[in-house]
């Protein structure tokens, strides 16, 4: 069909980068799926280069437009907020939420989290950024991975602008673009009960 995606744009979650997909992209290629990765400006080691949710959303829209052919955009975790907030170009034919936040229009990501302190795996640095707690990275975000993989990720994660948690989504893209939600039943960071509320 003419509107079938010819490519898949992969949008990472909090504290991560395009490296998050390094082991997946070759697997997809072996199955004939062209996967494109990108970096979210809100996740950066340099505070001077760290953007907000609007910057993230624009980066996704720009990356999708640059693909130039029908594309599905997949967001993981916080990446779901970004793909929901983005104003996608016409070549985006589907949104895919992978254990992701999928806020409705006018709601921020934080409004879906339980009241009280942030989860153990989140560290508030007190400077407007959040960082993953490396002490529980393996347990909460990489629970089914070996020690080498956990160390590989721990060496690459970076702080993230906390504004993305409290910025409301302007106009939920999932209401205008066909969407699919993939439940991750063993996800400890975004438990399946919360995922069911989100989708």
N, C-alpha and C. Protein backbone atom coordinates (compact mmCIF):
# COMPACT_ATOMS: atom_id res chain seq x y z
N UNK A 1 0.84 -1.20 0.00
CA UNK A 1 0.00 0.00 0.00
C UNK A 1 0.88 1.25 0.00
N UNK A 2 0.36 2.32 -0.58
CA UNK A 2 1.14 3.54 -0.72
C UNK A 2 1.50 4.16 0.62
N UNK A 3 0.66 3.97 1.65
CA UNK A 3 0.93 4.60 2.94
C UNK A 3 1.64 3.67 3.91
N UNK A 4 2.08 2.50 3.45
CA UNK A 4 2.87 1.63 4.31
C UNK A 4 4.23 2.28 4.56
N UNK A 5 4.74 2.21 5.81
CA UNK A 5 6.05 2.82 6.06
C UNK A 5 7.17 2.08 5.35
N UNK A 6 8.12 2.83 4.83
CA UNK A 6 9.30 2.27 4.19
C UNK A 6 10.49 2.30 5.13
N UNK A 7 10.34 3.00 6.26
CA UNK A 7 11.44 3.15 7.22
C UNK A 7 10.85 3.30 8.62
N UNK A 8 11.73 3.13 9.60
CA UNK A 8 11.35 3.23 11.00
C UNK A 8 12.30 4.20 11.68
N UNK A 9 11.75 5.28 12.26
CA UNK A 9 12.55 6.24 13.01
C UNK A 9 12.47 5.88 14.49
N UNK A 10 13.62 5.62 15.11
CA UNK A 10 13.68 5.17 16.50
C UNK A 10 14.02 6.34 17.41
N UNK A 11 13.15 6.61 18.38
CA UNK A 11 13.31 7.74 19.31
C UNK A 11 13.54 7.18 20.71
N UNK A 12 14.72 7.45 21.26
CA UNK A 12 15.10 6.90 22.56
C UNK A 12 14.38 7.61 23.70
N UNK A 13 14.56 7.08 24.90
CA UNK A 13 13.96 7.66 26.09
C UNK A 13 14.93 8.50 26.89
N UNK A 14 14.56 8.79 28.12
CA UNK A 14 15.36 9.64 29.01
C UNK A 14 16.78 9.11 29.19
N UNK A 15 17.72 10.05 29.23
CA UNK A 15 19.13 9.82 29.57
C UNK A 15 19.92 9.05 28.51
N UNK A 16 19.25 8.62 27.48
CA UNK A 16 19.90 7.79 26.47
C UNK A 16 20.23 8.60 25.21
N UNK A 17 20.65 7.92 24.19
CA UNK A 17 20.97 8.54 22.92
C UNK A 17 20.78 7.53 21.81
N UNK A 18 21.17 7.86 20.59
CA UNK A 18 21.01 6.93 19.48
C UNK A 18 21.71 5.59 19.71
N UNK A 19 22.76 5.60 20.55
CA UNK A 19 23.46 4.36 20.87
C UNK A 19 22.54 3.31 21.47
N UNK A 20 21.43 3.75 22.04
CA UNK A 20 20.46 2.82 22.66
C UNK A 20 20.02 1.74 21.68
N UNK A 21 20.04 2.08 20.39
CA UNK A 21 19.52 1.16 19.37
C UNK A 21 20.63 0.42 18.62
N UNK A 22 21.88 0.55 19.06
CA UNK A 22 23.01 -0.01 18.31
C UNK A 22 22.86 -1.51 18.02
N UNK A 23 22.31 -2.24 18.94
CA UNK A 23 22.19 -3.69 18.73
C UNK A 23 20.91 -4.07 18.01
N UNK A 24 19.95 -3.17 17.98
CA UNK A 24 18.68 -3.45 17.31
C UNK A 24 18.73 -3.16 15.82
N UNK A 25 19.40 -2.08 15.44
CA UNK A 25 19.39 -1.66 14.03
C UNK A 25 19.89 -2.76 13.09
N UNK A 26 21.00 -3.45 13.39
CA UNK A 26 21.41 -4.54 12.50
C UNK A 26 20.41 -5.69 12.43
N UNK A 27 19.74 -5.96 13.55
CA UNK A 27 18.73 -7.01 13.55
C UNK A 27 17.55 -6.64 12.65
N UNK A 28 17.16 -5.38 12.69
CA UNK A 28 16.08 -4.92 11.81
C UNK A 28 16.52 -4.96 10.36
N UNK A 29 17.76 -4.54 10.10
CA UNK A 29 18.27 -4.55 8.73
C UNK A 29 18.27 -5.96 8.16
N UNK A 30 18.60 -6.94 8.99
CA UNK A 30 18.61 -8.33 8.54
C UNK A 30 17.22 -8.82 8.16
N UNK A 31 16.21 -8.11 8.66
CA UNK A 31 14.81 -8.46 8.34
C UNK A 31 14.24 -7.52 7.28
N UNK A 32 15.11 -6.72 6.67
CA UNK A 32 14.69 -5.85 5.59
C UNK A 32 14.03 -4.56 6.04
N UNK A 33 14.25 -4.17 7.30
CA UNK A 33 13.64 -2.95 7.83
C UNK A 33 14.71 -1.87 7.96
N UNK A 34 14.53 -0.76 7.27
CA UNK A 34 15.46 0.37 7.38
C UNK A 34 15.14 1.16 8.64
N UNK A 35 16.06 1.18 9.58
CA UNK A 35 15.87 1.91 10.84
C UNK A 35 16.81 3.10 10.89
N UNK A 36 16.28 4.23 11.31
CA UNK A 36 17.04 5.48 11.43
C UNK A 36 17.00 5.90 12.89
N UNK A 37 18.14 6.31 13.45
CA UNK A 37 18.18 6.78 14.83
C UNK A 37 18.47 8.27 14.86
N UNK A 38 18.25 8.87 16.02
CA UNK A 38 18.45 10.31 16.18
C UNK A 38 18.68 10.60 17.66
N UNK A 39 19.18 11.78 17.94
CA UNK A 39 19.43 12.21 19.32
C UNK A 39 18.39 13.23 19.76
N UNK A 40 17.91 13.11 20.98
CA UNK A 40 17.02 14.11 21.56
C UNK A 40 17.85 15.18 22.24
N UNK A 41 17.63 16.45 21.90
CA UNK A 41 18.43 17.54 22.48
C UNK A 41 18.34 17.65 24.00
N UNK A 42 17.24 17.17 24.60
CA UNK A 42 17.11 17.29 26.06
C UNK A 42 18.09 16.40 26.81
N UNK A 43 18.65 15.41 26.13
CA UNK A 43 19.60 14.47 26.74
C UNK A 43 20.99 14.78 26.19
N UNK A 44 21.78 15.51 26.96
CA UNK A 44 23.10 15.91 26.49
C UNK A 44 24.02 16.17 27.67
N UNK A 45 25.29 15.82 27.54
CA UNK A 45 26.21 16.07 28.66
C UNK A 45 26.54 17.55 28.85
N UNK A 46 26.46 18.34 27.79
CA UNK A 46 26.80 19.77 27.84
C UNK A 46 25.55 20.59 28.12
N UNK A 47 25.46 21.27 29.28
CA UNK A 47 24.26 22.06 29.60
C UNK A 47 23.94 23.10 28.54
N UNK A 48 24.96 23.64 27.87
CA UNK A 48 24.73 24.65 26.86
C UNK A 48 24.04 24.12 25.62
N UNK A 49 24.06 22.81 25.44
CA UNK A 49 23.45 22.19 24.27
C UNK A 49 22.16 21.46 24.60
N UNK A 50 21.76 21.48 25.86
CA UNK A 50 20.61 20.69 26.32
C UNK A 50 19.31 21.44 26.04
N UNK A 51 18.44 20.84 25.23
CA UNK A 51 17.18 21.46 24.87
C UNK A 51 16.04 21.04 25.78
N UNK A 52 14.82 21.37 25.35
CA UNK A 52 13.62 21.02 26.11
C UNK A 52 12.70 20.16 25.25
N UNK A 53 11.48 19.95 25.70
CA UNK A 53 10.55 19.10 24.97
C UNK A 53 10.25 19.65 23.58
N UNK A 54 10.11 20.95 23.45
CA UNK A 54 9.88 21.54 22.13
C UNK A 54 11.04 21.25 21.18
N UNK A 55 12.26 21.34 21.69
CA UNK A 55 13.43 21.02 20.87
C UNK A 55 13.44 19.55 20.47
N UNK A 56 13.09 18.70 21.42
CA UNK A 56 13.03 17.27 21.12
C UNK A 56 12.02 16.99 20.02
N UNK A 57 10.84 17.59 20.16
CA UNK A 57 9.76 17.37 19.18
C UNK A 57 10.17 17.87 17.80
N UNK A 58 10.83 19.01 17.75
CA UNK A 58 11.29 19.54 16.46
C UNK A 58 12.36 18.64 15.85
N UNK A 59 13.24 18.09 16.69
CA UNK A 59 14.27 17.19 16.19
C UNK A 59 13.66 15.94 15.57
N UNK A 60 12.60 15.42 16.19
CA UNK A 60 11.92 14.25 15.63
C UNK A 60 11.27 14.61 14.30
N UNK A 61 10.56 15.73 14.26
CA UNK A 61 9.91 16.14 13.01
C UNK A 61 10.93 16.34 11.89
N UNK A 62 12.06 16.95 12.22
CA UNK A 62 13.11 17.18 11.23
C UNK A 62 13.70 15.87 10.74
N UNK A 63 13.93 14.94 11.68
CA UNK A 63 14.50 13.65 11.30
C UNK A 63 13.54 12.88 10.40
N UNK A 64 12.26 12.91 10.73
CA UNK A 64 11.25 12.21 9.92
C UNK A 64 11.18 12.83 8.52
N UNK A 65 11.18 14.15 8.46
CA UNK A 65 11.13 14.82 7.15
C UNK A 65 12.35 14.49 6.32
N UNK A 66 13.49 14.36 6.97
CA UNK A 66 14.73 14.06 6.27
C UNK A 66 14.77 12.67 5.66
N UNK A 67 13.94 11.78 6.16
CA UNK A 67 13.89 10.43 5.61
C UNK A 67 13.25 10.46 4.22
N UNK A 68 12.28 11.34 4.04
CA UNK A 68 11.75 11.61 2.71
C UNK A 68 10.85 10.56 2.13
N UNK A 69 10.52 9.53 2.85
CA UNK A 69 9.61 8.50 2.38
C UNK A 69 8.69 8.12 3.53
N UNK A 70 7.62 7.39 3.28
CA UNK A 70 6.71 7.04 4.37
C UNK A 70 7.47 6.37 5.53
N UNK A 71 7.22 6.87 6.74
CA UNK A 71 7.98 6.41 7.89
C UNK A 71 7.06 6.19 9.08
N UNK A 72 7.37 5.17 9.87
CA UNK A 72 6.74 4.98 11.17
C UNK A 72 7.72 5.51 12.22
N UNK A 73 7.20 6.23 13.21
CA UNK A 73 8.04 6.81 14.25
C UNK A 73 7.76 6.06 15.55
N UNK A 74 8.82 5.46 16.12
CA UNK A 74 8.69 4.69 17.35
C UNK A 74 9.32 5.44 18.49
N UNK A 75 8.56 5.61 19.58
CA UNK A 75 9.08 6.25 20.78
C UNK A 75 9.10 5.28 21.93
N UNK A 76 10.22 5.23 22.64
CA UNK A 76 10.34 4.38 23.83
C UNK A 76 10.34 5.24 25.09
N UNK A 77 9.53 4.88 26.06
CA UNK A 77 9.48 5.55 27.35
C UNK A 77 9.21 7.06 27.17
N UNK A 78 10.14 7.93 27.61
CA UNK A 78 9.95 9.38 27.41
C UNK A 78 9.83 9.72 25.92
N UNK A 79 10.42 8.92 25.06
CA UNK A 79 10.29 9.15 23.63
C UNK A 79 8.85 9.19 23.16
N UNK A 80 7.96 8.54 23.90
CA UNK A 80 6.53 8.59 23.58
C UNK A 80 5.96 9.99 23.78
N UNK A 81 6.42 10.68 24.82
CA UNK A 81 5.99 12.07 25.04
C UNK A 81 6.39 12.92 23.84
N UNK A 82 7.62 12.70 23.38
CA UNK A 82 8.16 13.50 22.29
C UNK A 82 7.38 13.28 21.00
N UNK A 83 7.13 12.02 20.65
CA UNK A 83 6.43 11.76 19.39
C UNK A 83 4.97 12.18 19.47
N UNK A 84 4.43 12.27 20.68
CA UNK A 84 3.07 12.78 20.86
C UNK A 84 3.02 14.29 20.68
N UNK A 85 4.05 14.97 21.16
CA UNK A 85 4.12 16.44 21.13
C UNK A 85 4.52 16.98 19.76
N UNK A 86 5.21 16.16 18.97
CA UNK A 86 5.76 16.63 17.69
C UNK A 86 4.67 16.95 16.67
N UNK A 87 4.96 17.94 15.83
CA UNK A 87 4.13 18.22 14.66
C UNK A 87 4.78 17.51 13.47
N UNK A 88 4.28 16.35 13.17
CA UNK A 88 4.94 15.47 12.21
C UNK A 88 4.69 15.91 10.77
N UNK A 89 5.69 15.71 9.92
CA UNK A 89 5.49 15.97 8.50
C UNK A 89 4.56 14.93 7.89
N UNK A 90 4.12 15.19 6.68
CA UNK A 90 3.11 14.34 6.03
C UNK A 90 3.59 12.93 5.76
N UNK A 91 4.91 12.70 5.73
CA UNK A 91 5.39 11.35 5.43
C UNK A 91 5.36 10.41 6.64
N UNK A 92 4.97 10.92 7.81
CA UNK A 92 4.81 10.05 8.99
C UNK A 92 3.43 9.40 8.91
N UNK A 93 3.43 8.08 8.76
CA UNK A 93 2.17 7.37 8.53
C UNK A 93 1.72 6.55 9.73
N UNK A 94 2.59 6.38 10.73
CA UNK A 94 2.20 5.65 11.93
C UNK A 94 3.11 6.04 13.09
N UNK A 95 2.53 6.07 14.29
CA UNK A 95 3.29 6.24 15.53
C UNK A 95 3.25 4.92 16.28
N UNK A 96 4.39 4.54 16.85
CA UNK A 96 4.48 3.30 17.63
C UNK A 96 5.02 3.66 19.01
N UNK A 97 4.28 3.25 20.03
CA UNK A 97 4.66 3.51 21.42
C UNK A 97 5.16 2.21 22.03
N UNK A 98 6.43 2.19 22.42
CA UNK A 98 7.06 1.00 22.98
C UNK A 98 7.23 1.20 24.49
N UNK A 99 6.26 0.69 25.26
CA UNK A 99 6.30 0.89 26.70
C UNK A 99 6.48 2.36 27.03
N UNK A 100 5.77 3.21 26.31
CA UNK A 100 6.04 4.64 26.32
C UNK A 100 4.93 5.45 26.97
N UNK A 101 5.28 6.67 27.36
CA UNK A 101 4.29 7.63 27.80
C UNK A 101 3.58 8.18 26.57
N UNK A 102 2.26 8.30 26.69
CA UNK A 102 1.42 8.75 25.57
C UNK A 102 0.42 9.76 26.12
N UNK A 103 0.89 10.96 26.50
CA UNK A 103 0.01 11.93 27.15
C UNK A 103 -1.09 12.44 26.21
N UNK A 104 -2.20 12.78 26.80
CA UNK A 104 -3.27 13.41 26.04
C UNK A 104 -2.96 14.90 25.92
N UNK A 105 -3.65 15.56 25.02
CA UNK A 105 -3.45 17.00 24.81
C UNK A 105 -3.64 17.76 26.12
N UNK A 106 -2.72 18.67 26.40
CA UNK A 106 -2.82 19.50 27.60
C UNK A 106 -2.28 18.86 28.86
N UNK A 107 -1.77 17.62 28.77
CA UNK A 107 -1.26 16.94 29.96
C UNK A 107 0.24 16.70 29.83
N UNK A 108 0.98 16.91 30.92
CA UNK A 108 2.41 16.59 30.91
C UNK A 108 2.65 15.15 31.35
N UNK A 109 3.83 14.67 31.07
CA UNK A 109 4.21 13.31 31.49
C UNK A 109 4.04 13.12 32.99
N UNK A 110 4.43 14.13 33.77
CA UNK A 110 4.40 14.02 35.23
C UNK A 110 3.00 13.73 35.75
N UNK A 111 1.98 14.17 35.05
CA UNK A 111 0.61 13.99 35.53
C UNK A 111 0.19 12.52 35.53
N UNK A 112 0.96 11.65 34.88
CA UNK A 112 0.64 10.22 34.84
C UNK A 112 1.40 9.43 35.90
N UNK A 113 2.35 10.06 36.56
CA UNK A 113 3.13 9.36 37.58
C UNK A 113 2.42 9.42 38.92
N UNK A 114 2.59 8.40 39.76
CA UNK A 114 1.98 8.44 41.10
C UNK A 114 2.50 9.63 41.89
N UNK A 115 1.64 10.17 42.75
CA UNK A 115 2.08 11.28 43.61
C UNK A 115 3.16 10.79 44.56
N UNK A 116 4.03 11.72 44.94
CA UNK A 116 5.10 11.35 45.86
C UNK A 116 6.45 11.50 45.19
N UNK A 117 7.47 10.90 45.82
CA UNK A 117 8.82 11.05 45.28
C UNK A 117 8.99 10.36 43.93
N UNK A 118 10.00 10.79 43.21
CA UNK A 118 10.32 10.15 41.94
C UNK A 118 10.78 8.72 42.19
N UNK A 119 10.67 7.86 41.20
CA UNK A 119 11.13 6.48 41.38
C UNK A 119 12.61 6.40 41.75
N UNK A 120 13.02 5.28 42.34
CA UNK A 120 14.40 5.09 42.79
C UNK A 120 15.42 5.28 41.68
N UNK A 121 15.02 5.00 40.45
CA UNK A 121 16.00 5.05 39.37
C UNK A 121 16.21 6.47 38.83
N UNK A 122 15.51 7.45 39.40
CA UNK A 122 15.64 8.85 38.97
C UNK A 122 16.34 9.66 40.06
N UNK A 123 17.36 10.42 39.69
CA UNK A 123 18.05 11.32 40.61
C UNK A 123 17.84 12.75 40.15
N UNK A 124 17.25 13.58 41.04
CA UNK A 124 17.10 15.01 40.77
C UNK A 124 18.40 15.69 41.15
N UNK A 125 19.09 16.27 40.18
CA UNK A 125 20.40 16.88 40.42
C UNK A 125 20.30 18.28 41.00
N UNK A 126 19.08 18.81 41.12
CA UNK A 126 18.90 20.11 41.73
C UNK A 126 19.28 21.29 40.86
N UNK A 127 19.57 21.03 39.59
CA UNK A 127 19.96 22.10 38.67
C UNK A 127 19.05 22.15 37.44
N UNK A 128 17.85 21.58 37.60
CA UNK A 128 16.93 21.54 36.47
C UNK A 128 17.10 20.32 35.59
N UNK A 129 17.96 19.40 36.03
CA UNK A 129 18.15 18.17 35.26
C UNK A 129 17.89 16.95 36.13
N UNK A 130 17.60 15.87 35.45
CA UNK A 130 17.43 14.57 36.09
C UNK A 130 18.48 13.63 35.52
N UNK A 131 18.91 12.67 36.34
CA UNK A 131 19.87 11.67 35.89
C UNK A 131 19.39 10.31 36.38
N UNK A 132 19.69 9.30 35.62
CA UNK A 132 19.37 7.95 36.06
C UNK A 132 20.32 7.59 37.20
N UNK A 133 19.78 6.90 38.19
CA UNK A 133 20.58 6.45 39.33
C UNK A 133 21.38 5.22 38.91
N UNK A 134 22.67 5.39 38.75
CA UNK A 134 23.51 4.31 38.24
C UNK A 134 23.54 3.11 39.18
N UNK A 135 23.24 3.34 40.45
CA UNK A 135 23.28 2.23 41.41
C UNK A 135 22.18 1.20 41.14
N UNK A 136 21.09 1.64 40.51
CA UNK A 136 19.99 0.70 40.23
C UNK A 136 19.71 0.59 38.73
N UNK A 137 20.63 1.09 37.90
CA UNK A 137 20.44 1.04 36.45
C UNK A 137 20.21 -0.39 35.98
N UNK A 138 21.04 -1.31 36.44
CA UNK A 138 20.91 -2.70 36.03
C UNK A 138 19.63 -3.33 36.49
N UNK A 139 19.20 -3.00 37.69
CA UNK A 139 17.98 -3.59 38.24
C UNK A 139 16.73 -3.06 37.56
N UNK A 140 16.64 -1.74 37.39
CA UNK A 140 15.38 -1.13 36.98
C UNK A 140 15.25 -0.88 35.48
N UNK A 141 16.36 -0.62 34.78
CA UNK A 141 16.28 -0.32 33.35
C UNK A 141 16.87 -1.41 32.47
N UNK A 142 17.78 -2.19 33.02
CA UNK A 142 18.45 -3.24 32.23
C UNK A 142 18.38 -4.58 32.96
N UNK A 143 17.21 -4.87 33.51
CA UNK A 143 17.04 -6.03 34.37
C UNK A 143 17.30 -7.37 33.73
N UNK A 144 17.16 -7.48 32.42
CA UNK A 144 17.38 -8.77 31.77
C UNK A 144 18.69 -8.79 30.98
N UNK A 145 19.60 -7.87 31.31
CA UNK A 145 20.87 -7.75 30.58
C UNK A 145 22.04 -8.24 31.43
N UNK A 146 23.10 -8.65 30.74
CA UNK A 146 24.31 -9.09 31.46
C UNK A 146 25.08 -7.87 31.97
N UNK A 147 26.06 -8.15 32.82
CA UNK A 147 26.82 -7.07 33.48
C UNK A 147 27.56 -6.20 32.47
N UNK A 148 28.05 -6.79 31.39
CA UNK A 148 28.78 -6.01 30.38
C UNK A 148 27.86 -5.00 29.70
N UNK A 149 26.62 -5.42 29.44
CA UNK A 149 25.66 -4.51 28.80
C UNK A 149 25.29 -3.37 29.74
N UNK A 150 25.10 -3.69 31.02
CA UNK A 150 24.79 -2.65 32.00
C UNK A 150 25.94 -1.64 32.09
N UNK A 151 27.17 -2.14 32.10
CA UNK A 151 28.33 -1.24 32.16
C UNK A 151 28.43 -0.40 30.89
N UNK A 152 28.13 -0.99 29.75
CA UNK A 152 28.12 -0.29 28.47
C UNK A 152 27.14 0.88 28.51
N UNK A 153 25.94 0.64 29.04
CA UNK A 153 24.93 1.70 29.14
C UNK A 153 25.32 2.75 30.18
N UNK A 154 25.85 2.30 31.31
CA UNK A 154 26.21 3.23 32.39
C UNK A 154 27.27 4.23 31.93
N UNK A 155 28.12 3.82 31.02
CA UNK A 155 29.17 4.71 30.51
C UNK A 155 28.64 5.73 29.51
N UNK A 156 27.39 5.57 29.08
CA UNK A 156 26.85 6.42 28.01
C UNK A 156 25.68 7.31 28.41
N UNK A 157 24.98 6.98 29.48
CA UNK A 157 23.82 7.78 29.87
C UNK A 157 24.26 9.19 30.27
N UNK A 158 23.35 10.14 30.08
CA UNK A 158 23.66 11.56 30.31
C UNK A 158 22.49 12.22 31.04
N UNK A 159 22.71 13.37 31.67
CA UNK A 159 21.60 14.10 32.29
C UNK A 159 20.57 14.56 31.26
N UNK A 160 19.37 14.80 31.76
CA UNK A 160 18.28 15.25 30.89
C UNK A 160 17.59 16.47 31.51
N UNK A 161 17.18 17.39 30.65
CA UNK A 161 16.42 18.55 31.08
C UNK A 161 15.10 18.07 31.70
N UNK A 162 14.84 18.47 32.94
CA UNK A 162 13.64 18.01 33.65
C UNK A 162 12.36 18.65 33.12
N UNK A 163 12.48 19.68 32.29
CA UNK A 163 11.29 20.37 31.79
C UNK A 163 10.37 19.45 31.01
N UNK A 164 10.92 18.41 30.41
CA UNK A 164 10.10 17.48 29.63
C UNK A 164 9.03 16.79 30.44
N UNK A 165 9.25 16.66 31.76
CA UNK A 165 8.26 16.00 32.61
C UNK A 165 7.05 16.88 32.89
N UNK A 166 7.26 18.20 32.89
CA UNK A 166 6.20 19.10 33.33
C UNK A 166 5.60 19.92 32.19
N UNK A 167 6.13 19.80 30.98
CA UNK A 167 5.60 20.53 29.84
C UNK A 167 4.41 19.80 29.25
N UNK A 168 3.24 20.44 29.20
CA UNK A 168 2.07 19.75 28.63
C UNK A 168 2.23 19.51 27.13
N UNK A 169 1.69 18.40 26.68
CA UNK A 169 1.65 18.12 25.24
C UNK A 169 0.66 19.08 24.60
N UNK A 170 1.05 19.70 23.51
CA UNK A 170 0.21 20.71 22.88
C UNK A 170 -1.01 20.08 22.21
N UNK A 171 -0.79 19.13 21.34
CA UNK A 171 -1.88 18.53 20.56
C UNK A 171 -1.47 17.10 20.28
N UNK A 172 -2.04 16.15 20.99
CA UNK A 172 -1.60 14.76 20.94
C UNK A 172 -1.65 14.21 19.52
N UNK A 173 -0.48 13.93 18.97
CA UNK A 173 -0.37 13.48 17.58
C UNK A 173 -1.08 12.15 17.35
N UNK A 174 -1.15 11.34 18.41
CA UNK A 174 -1.81 10.04 18.28
C UNK A 174 -3.30 10.13 17.98
N UNK A 175 -3.86 11.31 18.13
CA UNK A 175 -5.29 11.49 17.77
C UNK A 175 -5.47 11.74 16.28
N UNK A 176 -4.37 12.05 15.58
CA UNK A 176 -4.46 12.39 14.16
C UNK A 176 -3.73 11.40 13.25
N UNK A 177 -2.81 10.64 13.84
CA UNK A 177 -1.99 9.70 13.08
C UNK A 177 -2.25 8.30 13.63
N UNK A 178 -2.46 7.30 12.77
CA UNK A 178 -2.67 5.93 13.28
C UNK A 178 -1.55 5.53 14.23
N UNK A 179 -1.91 4.90 15.35
CA UNK A 179 -0.94 4.59 16.39
C UNK A 179 -1.08 3.15 16.87
N UNK A 180 0.05 2.62 17.30
CA UNK A 180 0.12 1.28 17.88
C UNK A 180 0.84 1.37 19.21
N UNK A 181 0.33 0.69 20.24
CA UNK A 181 1.00 0.66 21.54
C UNK A 181 1.46 -0.76 21.82
N UNK A 182 2.76 -0.91 22.11
CA UNK A 182 3.34 -2.22 22.43
C UNK A 182 3.58 -2.26 23.93
N UNK A 183 2.84 -3.14 24.62
CA UNK A 183 3.00 -3.30 26.06
C UNK A 183 4.26 -4.10 26.36
N UNK A 184 5.07 -3.62 27.30
CA UNK A 184 6.24 -4.34 27.77
C UNK A 184 5.90 -4.91 29.14
N UNK A 185 5.56 -6.17 29.17
CA UNK A 185 4.99 -6.76 30.39
C UNK A 185 6.00 -6.93 31.52
N UNK A 186 7.30 -6.87 31.22
CA UNK A 186 8.30 -7.04 32.27
C UNK A 186 9.10 -5.76 32.52
N UNK A 187 8.59 -4.63 32.04
CA UNK A 187 9.26 -3.34 32.23
C UNK A 187 9.11 -2.91 33.69
N UNK A 188 10.23 -2.65 34.35
CA UNK A 188 10.19 -2.21 35.74
C UNK A 188 10.16 -0.69 35.87
N UNK A 189 10.61 0.02 34.85
CA UNK A 189 10.63 1.48 34.91
C UNK A 189 9.23 2.06 34.66
N UNK A 190 8.53 1.54 33.67
CA UNK A 190 7.15 1.94 33.40
C UNK A 190 6.31 0.66 33.51
N UNK A 191 5.83 0.35 34.72
CA UNK A 191 5.12 -0.92 34.94
C UNK A 191 3.94 -1.09 33.98
N UNK A 192 3.62 -2.34 33.69
CA UNK A 192 2.58 -2.62 32.69
C UNK A 192 1.24 -2.02 33.12
N UNK A 193 0.97 -1.91 34.42
CA UNK A 193 -0.29 -1.31 34.87
C UNK A 193 -0.38 0.13 34.42
N UNK A 194 0.74 0.86 34.49
CA UNK A 194 0.77 2.24 34.03
C UNK A 194 0.68 2.30 32.52
N UNK A 195 1.36 1.39 31.84
CA UNK A 195 1.28 1.37 30.38
C UNK A 195 -0.17 1.19 29.92
N UNK A 196 -0.92 0.35 30.60
CA UNK A 196 -2.32 0.13 30.21
C UNK A 196 -3.14 1.40 30.38
N UNK A 197 -2.84 2.20 31.37
CA UNK A 197 -3.54 3.49 31.55
C UNK A 197 -3.17 4.43 30.40
N UNK A 198 -1.90 4.41 30.03
CA UNK A 198 -1.42 5.32 29.00
C UNK A 198 -1.99 5.01 27.63
N UNK A 199 -2.15 3.73 27.33
CA UNK A 199 -2.61 3.37 25.97
C UNK A 199 -4.13 3.29 25.93
